Amino acid sequence: CPQAIVPGAGPVPAFLTKLWTLVGDPETNHLICWSPNGTSFHVRDQGRFAKEVLPKYFKHNNMASFVRQLNMYGFRKVVSIEQGGLVKPDRDDTEFQHLCFLRGHEHLLEHIKRKVGPLLPAQLQPLFPSQPQPQGEQGSRDEGLAGSELSPPLDTTAGLSAEE
């Protein structure tokens, strides 16, 4: 896992617990199973998986929603070198991986965190107190940016060294 492993990192979200159970369930191995080396898992037939398996574990049968959830938790689709990401595979088999989702290491699940979404304007205000609050109307378009003060650009490279 990329994060430092700290004991008691928090409760494991229900999605991850269900996913762990689902991938390890011998009854569903024909549709979803661990890869031979245990560092990823395969969804074999997305149509059947969505129709037959998803409703048993989740409140939907939508494969796109399932994949969206995986992405929100940092799972990535594995693309084989032969495919190069450009050619659709012959069979309906999709592979996903996460550095902390490893067969036999259920304790690592607590280190998989849901990505934080974009901040709302009200949440951004404390970060930029010098910026004026929007005042209802936008003002006339003739004003443009001429009268506004712009903050200097943020230096996103400050503190980085070549070793990082």
C-alpha atoms as a PDB file:
ATOM      1  CA  CYS A   1       0.000   0.000   0.000  1.00  0.00           C
ATOM      2  CA  PRO A   2       1.264   3.482  -0.743  1.00  0.00           C
ATOM      3  CA  GLN A   3       0.208   4.834   2.666  1.00  0.00           C
ATOM      4  CA  ALA A   4       2.188   4.031   5.766  1.00  0.00           C
ATOM      5  CA  ILE A   5       0.647   0.985   7.398  1.00  0.00           C
ATOM      6  CA  VAL A   6      -0.776   2.141  10.708  1.00  0.00           C
ATOM      7  CA  PRO A   7      -2.661  -0.292  12.938  1.00  0.00           C
ATOM      8  CA  GLY A   8      -6.309   0.609  13.373  1.00  0.00           C
ATOM      9  CA  ALA A   9      -6.610   2.859  10.321  1.00  0.00           C
ATOM     10  CA  GLY A  10     -10.388   2.846  10.683  1.00  0.00           C
ATOM     11  CA  PRO A  11     -13.469   0.826   9.854  1.00  0.00           C
ATOM     12  CA  VAL A  12     -13.630  -0.930   6.499  1.00  0.00           C
ATOM     13  CA  PRO A  13     -16.426   0.449   4.286  1.00  0.00           C
ATOM     14  CA  ALA A  14     -19.273  -1.960   3.481  1.00  0.00           C
ATOM     15  CA  PHE A  15     -18.457  -1.825  -0.246  1.00  0.00           C
ATOM     16  CA  LEU A  16     -14.955  -3.208   0.367  1.00  0.00           C
ATOM     17  CA  THR A  17     -16.172  -5.882   2.781  1.00  0.00           C
ATOM     18  CA  LYS A  18     -18.771  -7.043   0.249  1.00  0.00           C
ATOM     19  CA  LEU A  19     -16.208  -6.951  -2.571  1.00  0.00           C
ATOM     20  CA  TRP A  20     -13.764  -9.058  -0.531  1.00  0.00           C
ATOM     21  CA  THR A  21     -16.485 -11.635   0.204  1.00  0.00           C
ATOM     22  CA  LEU A  22     -17.664 -11.622  -3.396  1.00  0.00           C
ATOM     23  CA  VAL A  23     -14.210 -12.158  -4.914  1.00  0.00           C
ATOM     24  CA  GLY A  24     -13.406 -14.959  -2.469  1.00  0.00           C
ATOM     25  CA  ASP A  25     -16.754 -16.778  -2.776  1.00  0.00           C
ATOM     26  CA  PRO A  26     -16.217 -20.110  -4.591  1.00  0.00           C
ATOM     27  CA  GLU A  27     -19.882 -20.020  -5.685  1.00  0.00           C
ATOM     28  CA  THR A  28     -19.214 -16.941  -7.857  1.00  0.00           C
ATOM     29  CA  ASN A  29     -15.770 -17.911  -9.210  1.00  0.00           C
ATOM     30  CA  HIS A  30     -17.196 -18.486 -12.688  1.00  0.00           C
ATOM     31  CA  LEU A  31     -18.067 -14.760 -12.830  1.00  0.00           C
ATOM     32  CA  ILE A  32     -15.644 -13.043 -10.424  1.00  0.00           C
ATOM     33  CA  CYS A  33     -12.457 -14.453  -8.908  1.00  0.00           C
ATOM     34  CA  TRP A  34      -8.910 -13.715  -7.792  1.00  0.00           C
ATOM     35  CA  SER A  35      -6.129 -13.716 -10.373  1.00  0.00           C
ATOM     36  CA  PRO A  36      -3.715 -16.664 -10.038  1.00  0.00           C
ATOM     37  CA  ASN A  37      -1.152 -14.549  -8.152  1.00  0.00           C
ATOM     38  CA  GLY A  38      -3.790 -12.904  -5.906  1.00  0.00           C
ATOM     39  CA  THR A  39      -2.867  -9.299  -6.716  1.00  0.00           C
ATOM     40  CA  SER A  40      -5.996  -8.556  -8.760  1.00  0.00           C
ATOM     41  CA  PHE A  41      -9.414  -9.967  -9.559  1.00  0.00           C
ATOM     42  CA  HIS A  42     -11.311 -10.754 -12.762  1.00  0.00           C
ATOM     43  CA  VAL A  43     -14.922 -10.114 -13.723  1.00  0.00           C
ATOM     44  CA  ARG A  44     -15.509 -12.800 -16.358  1.00  0.00           C
ATOM     45  CA  ASP A  45     -18.890 -12.019 -17.949  1.00  0.00           C
ATOM     46  CA  GLN A  46     -20.018  -8.496 -17.101  1.00  0.00           C
ATOM     47  CA  GLY A  47     -23.599  -9.001 -18.271  1.00  0.00           C
ATOM     48  CA  ARG A  48     -24.201 -12.134 -16.220  1.00  0.00           C
ATOM     49  CA  PHE A  49     -22.192 -10.754 -13.293  1.00  0.00           C
ATOM     50  CA  ALA A  50     -24.365  -7.614 -13.191  1.00  0.00           C
ATOM     51  CA  LYS A  51     -27.598  -9.573 -13.534  1.00  0.00           C
ATOM     52  CA  GLU A  52     -26.876 -12.571 -11.297  1.00  0.00           C
ATOM     53  CA  VAL A  53     -24.317 -11.476  -8.699  1.00  0.00           C
ATOM     54  CA  LEU A  54     -24.488  -7.712  -8.101  1.00  0.00           C
ATOM     55  CA  PRO A  55     -28.098  -7.721  -6.777  1.00  0.00           C
ATOM     56  CA  LYS A  56     -27.145 -10.340  -4.162  1.00  0.00           C
ATOM     57  CA  TYR A  57     -24.479  -8.067  -2.666  1.00  0.00           C
ATOM     58  CA  PHE A  58     -25.504  -4.532  -3.630  1.00  0.00           C
ATOM     59  CA  LYS A  59     -28.744  -2.588  -4.122  1.00  0.00           C
ATOM     60  CA  HIS A  60     -28.382  -2.546  -7.903  1.00  0.00           C
ATOM     61  CA  ASN A  61     -27.478  -4.606 -10.961  1.00  0.00           C
ATOM     62  CA  ASN A  62     -25.602  -1.849 -12.776  1.00  0.00           C
ATOM     63  CA  MET A  63     -22.066  -2.761 -13.878  1.00  0.00           C
ATOM     64  CA  ALA A  64     -21.181   0.886 -14.564  1.00  0.00           C
ATOM     65  CA  SER A  65     -22.078   1.809 -10.966  1.00  0.00           C
ATOM     66  CA  PHE A  66     -19.950  -1.061  -9.669  1.00  0.00           C
ATOM     67  CA  VAL A  67     -16.959   0.076 -11.761  1.00  0.00           C
ATOM     68  CA  ARG A  68     -17.509   3.684 -10.636  1.00  0.00           C
ATOM     69  CA  GLN A  69     -17.356   2.528  -7.007  1.00  0.00           C
ATOM     70  CA  LEU A  70     -14.143   0.610  -7.708  1.00  0.00           C
ATOM     71  CA  ASN A  71     -12.619   3.732  -9.254  1.00  0.00           C
ATOM     72  CA  MET A  72     -13.690   5.871  -6.291  1.00  0.00           C
ATOM     73  CA  TYR A  73     -11.756   3.531  -4.002  1.00  0.00           C
ATOM     74  CA  GLY A  74      -8.649   3.684  -6.191  1.00  0.00           C
ATOM     75  CA  PHE A  75      -8.988   0.380  -8.061  1.00  0.00           C
ATOM     76  CA  ARG A  76      -7.564   0.419 -11.564  1.00  0.00           C
ATOM     77  CA  LYS A  77      -8.413  -1.631 -14.615  1.00  0.00           C
ATOM     78  CA  VAL A  78      -5.498  -3.821 -15.689  1.00  0.00           C
ATOM     79  CA  VAL A  79      -4.720  -3.662 -19.407  1.00  0.00           C
ATOM     80  CA  SER A  80      -2.521  -6.403 -20.797  1.00  0.00           C
ATOM     81  CA  ILE A  81       0.525  -5.543 -22.892  1.00  0.00           C
ATOM     82  CA  GLU A  82      -0.863  -7.521 -25.842  1.00  0.00           C
ATOM     83  CA  GLN A  83      -3.973  -5.355 -25.863  1.00  0.00           C
ATOM     84  CA  GLY A  84      -2.065  -2.138 -25.463  1.00  0.00           C
ATOM     85  CA  GLY A  85      -5.337  -0.644 -24.326  1.00  0.00           C
ATOM     86  CA  LEU A  86      -6.482  -0.233 -27.928  1.00  0.00           C
ATOM     87  CA  VAL A  87      -7.863  -3.644 -28.850  1.00  0.00           C
ATOM     88  CA  LYS A  88     -10.959  -5.089 -27.200  1.00  0.00           C
ATOM     89  CA  PRO A  89     -10.188  -8.507 -25.712  1.00  0.00           C
ATOM     90  CA  ASP A  90     -11.652 -11.589 -27.381  1.00  0.00           C
ATOM     91  CA  ARG A  91     -13.493 -12.638 -24.245  1.00  0.00           C
ATOM     92  CA  ASP A  92     -15.478 -10.575 -21.770  1.00  0.00           C
ATOM     93  CA  ASP A  93     -12.913 -10.521 -18.960  1.00  0.00           C
ATOM     94  CA  THR A  94     -12.059  -7.372 -17.045  1.00  0.00           C
ATOM     95  CA  GLU A  95      -9.289  -7.300 -14.451  1.00  0.00           C
ATOM     96  CA  PHE A  96      -9.032  -4.815 -11.561  1.00  0.00           C
ATOM     97  CA  GLN A  97      -6.304  -4.209  -8.993  1.00  0.00           C
ATOM     98  CA  HIS A  98      -5.495  -2.122  -5.930  1.00  0.00           C
ATOM     99  CA  LEU A  99      -2.209  -2.202  -4.008  1.00  0.00           C
ATOM    100  CA  CYS A 100      -4.067  -2.953  -0.745  1.00  0.00           C
ATOM    101  CA  PHE A 101      -6.503  -5.532  -2.162  1.00  0.00           C
ATOM    102  CA  LEU A 102      -4.466  -8.731  -2.003  1.00  0.00           C
ATOM    103  CA  ARG A 103      -5.664 -12.309  -1.516  1.00  0.00           C
ATOM    104  CA  GLY A 104      -4.879 -13.489   2.004  1.00  0.00           C
ATOM    105  CA  HIS A 105      -4.336  -9.953   3.339  1.00  0.00           C
ATOM    106  CA  GLU A 106      -7.810  -8.845   4.412  1.00  0.00           C
ATOM    107  CA  HIS A 107      -6.238  -6.654   7.108  1.00  0.00           C
ATOM    108  CA  LEU A 108      -5.054  -4.259   4.364  1.00  0.00           C
ATOM    109  CA  LEU A 109      -8.645  -3.333   3.450  1.00  0.00           C
ATOM    110  CA  GLU A 110      -8.710  -0.713   6.209  1.00  0.00           C
ATOM    111  CA  HIS A 111      -6.088   1.247   4.244  1.00  0.00           C
ATOM    112  CA  ILE A 112      -8.265   1.580   1.137  1.00  0.00           C
ATOM    113  CA  LYS A 113      -9.943   4.972   1.322  1.00  0.00           C
ATOM    114  CA  ARG A 114     -12.627   6.511  -0.827  1.00  0.00           C
ATOM    115  CA  LYS A 115     -11.348   9.422  -2.893  1.00  0.00           C
ATOM    116  CA  VAL A 116     -12.376  12.861  -1.660  1.00  0.00           C
ATOM    117  CA  GLY A 117     -14.621  14.669  -4.126  1.00  0.00           C
ATOM    118  CA  PRO A 118     -14.216  18.253  -5.261  1.00  0.00           C
ATOM    119  CA  LEU A 119     -14.679  20.911  -2.604  1.00  0.00           C
ATOM    120  CA  LEU A 120     -17.809  23.048  -2.703  1.00  0.00           C
ATOM    121  CA  PRO A 121     -17.389  26.842  -2.948  1.00  0.00           C
ATOM    122  CA  ALA A 122     -18.336  27.261   0.735  1.00  0.00           C
ATOM    123  CA  GLN A 123     -15.595  24.773   1.667  1.00  0.00           C
ATOM    124  CA  LEU A 124     -13.044  26.596  -0.489  1.00  0.00           C
ATOM    125  CA  GLN A 125     -13.623  30.028   1.093  1.00  0.00           C
ATOM    126  CA  PRO A 126     -11.603  29.332   4.283  1.00  0.00           C
ATOM    127  CA  LEU A 127      -8.693  28.248   2.086  1.00  0.00           C
ATOM    128  CA  PHE A 128      -8.671  31.553   0.184  1.00  0.00           C
ATOM    129  CA  PRO A 129      -9.867  34.248   2.628  1.00  0.00           C
ATOM    130  CA  SER A 130      -8.475  37.129   0.547  1.00  0.00           C
ATOM    131  CA  GLN A 131     -10.795  36.326  -2.372  1.00  0.00           C
ATOM    132  CA  PRO A 132     -14.046  38.338  -2.398  1.00  0.00           C
ATOM    133  CA  GLN A 133     -17.327  36.460  -1.983  1.00  0.00           C
ATOM    134  CA  PRO A 134     -19.641  36.465  -5.028  1.00  0.00           C
ATOM    135  CA  GLN A 135     -22.242  39.238  -4.632  1.00  0.00           C
ATOM    136  CA  GLY A 136     -25.516  37.984  -6.138  1.00  0.00           C
ATOM    137  CA  GLU A 137     -25.337  39.604  -9.549  1.00  0.00           C
ATOM    138  CA  GLN A 138     -22.231  39.093 -11.606  1.00  0.00           C
ATOM    139  CA  GLY A 139     -21.995  42.757 -12.603  1.00  0.00           C
ATOM    140  CA  SER A 140     -21.852  44.149 -16.087  1.00  0.00           C
ATOM    141  CA  ARG A 141     -19.825  42.298 -18.651  1.00  0.00           C
ATOM    142  CA  ASP A 142     -18.046  45.529 -19.572  1.00  0.00           C
ATOM    143  CA  GLU A 143     -16.113  45.383 -16.287  1.00  0.00           C
ATOM    144  CA  GLY A 144     -14.327  42.204 -17.339  1.00  0.00           C
ATOM    145  CA  LEU A 145     -11.232  41.473 -15.295  1.00  0.00           C
ATOM    146  CA  ALA A 146      -9.874  45.010 -15.487  1.00  0.00           C
ATOM    147  CA  GLY A 147     -10.863  46.021 -11.968  1.00  0.00           C
ATOM    148  CA  SER A 148     -10.220  42.725 -10.218  1.00  0.00           C
ATOM    149  CA  GLU A 149      -7.138  41.785  -8.281  1.00  0.00           C
ATOM    150  CA  LEU A 150      -5.708  38.404  -9.129  1.00  0.00           C
ATOM    151  CA  SER A 151      -3.690  36.373  -6.669  1.00  0.00           C
ATOM    152  CA  PRO A 152      -0.257  35.259  -7.812  1.00  0.00           C
ATOM    153  CA  PRO A 153      -0.215  31.701  -9.178  1.00  0.00           C
ATOM    154  CA  LEU A 154       0.399  28.964  -6.644  1.00  0.00           C
ATOM    155  CA  ASP A 155       3.857  27.398  -6.771  1.00  0.00           C
ATOM    156  CA  THR A 156       2.972  23.701  -6.991  1.00  0.00           C
ATOM    157  CA  THR A 157       6.621  22.658  -7.150  1.00  0.00           C
ATOM    158  CA  ALA A 158       7.725  24.276  -3.895  1.00  0.00           C
ATOM    159  CA  GLY A 159       9.428  21.817  -1.590  1.00  0.00           C
ATOM    160  CA  LEU A 160       9.803  19.089  -4.205  1.00  0.00           C
ATOM    161  CA  SER A 161      13.188  17.629  -4.928  1.00  0.00           C
ATOM    162  CA  ALA A 162      14.417  15.362  -7.686  1.00  0.00           C
ATOM    163  CA  GLU A 163      14.410  12.368  -5.317  1.00  0.00           C
ATOM    164  CA  GLU A 164      10.635  12.497  -4.724  1.00  0.00           C
END
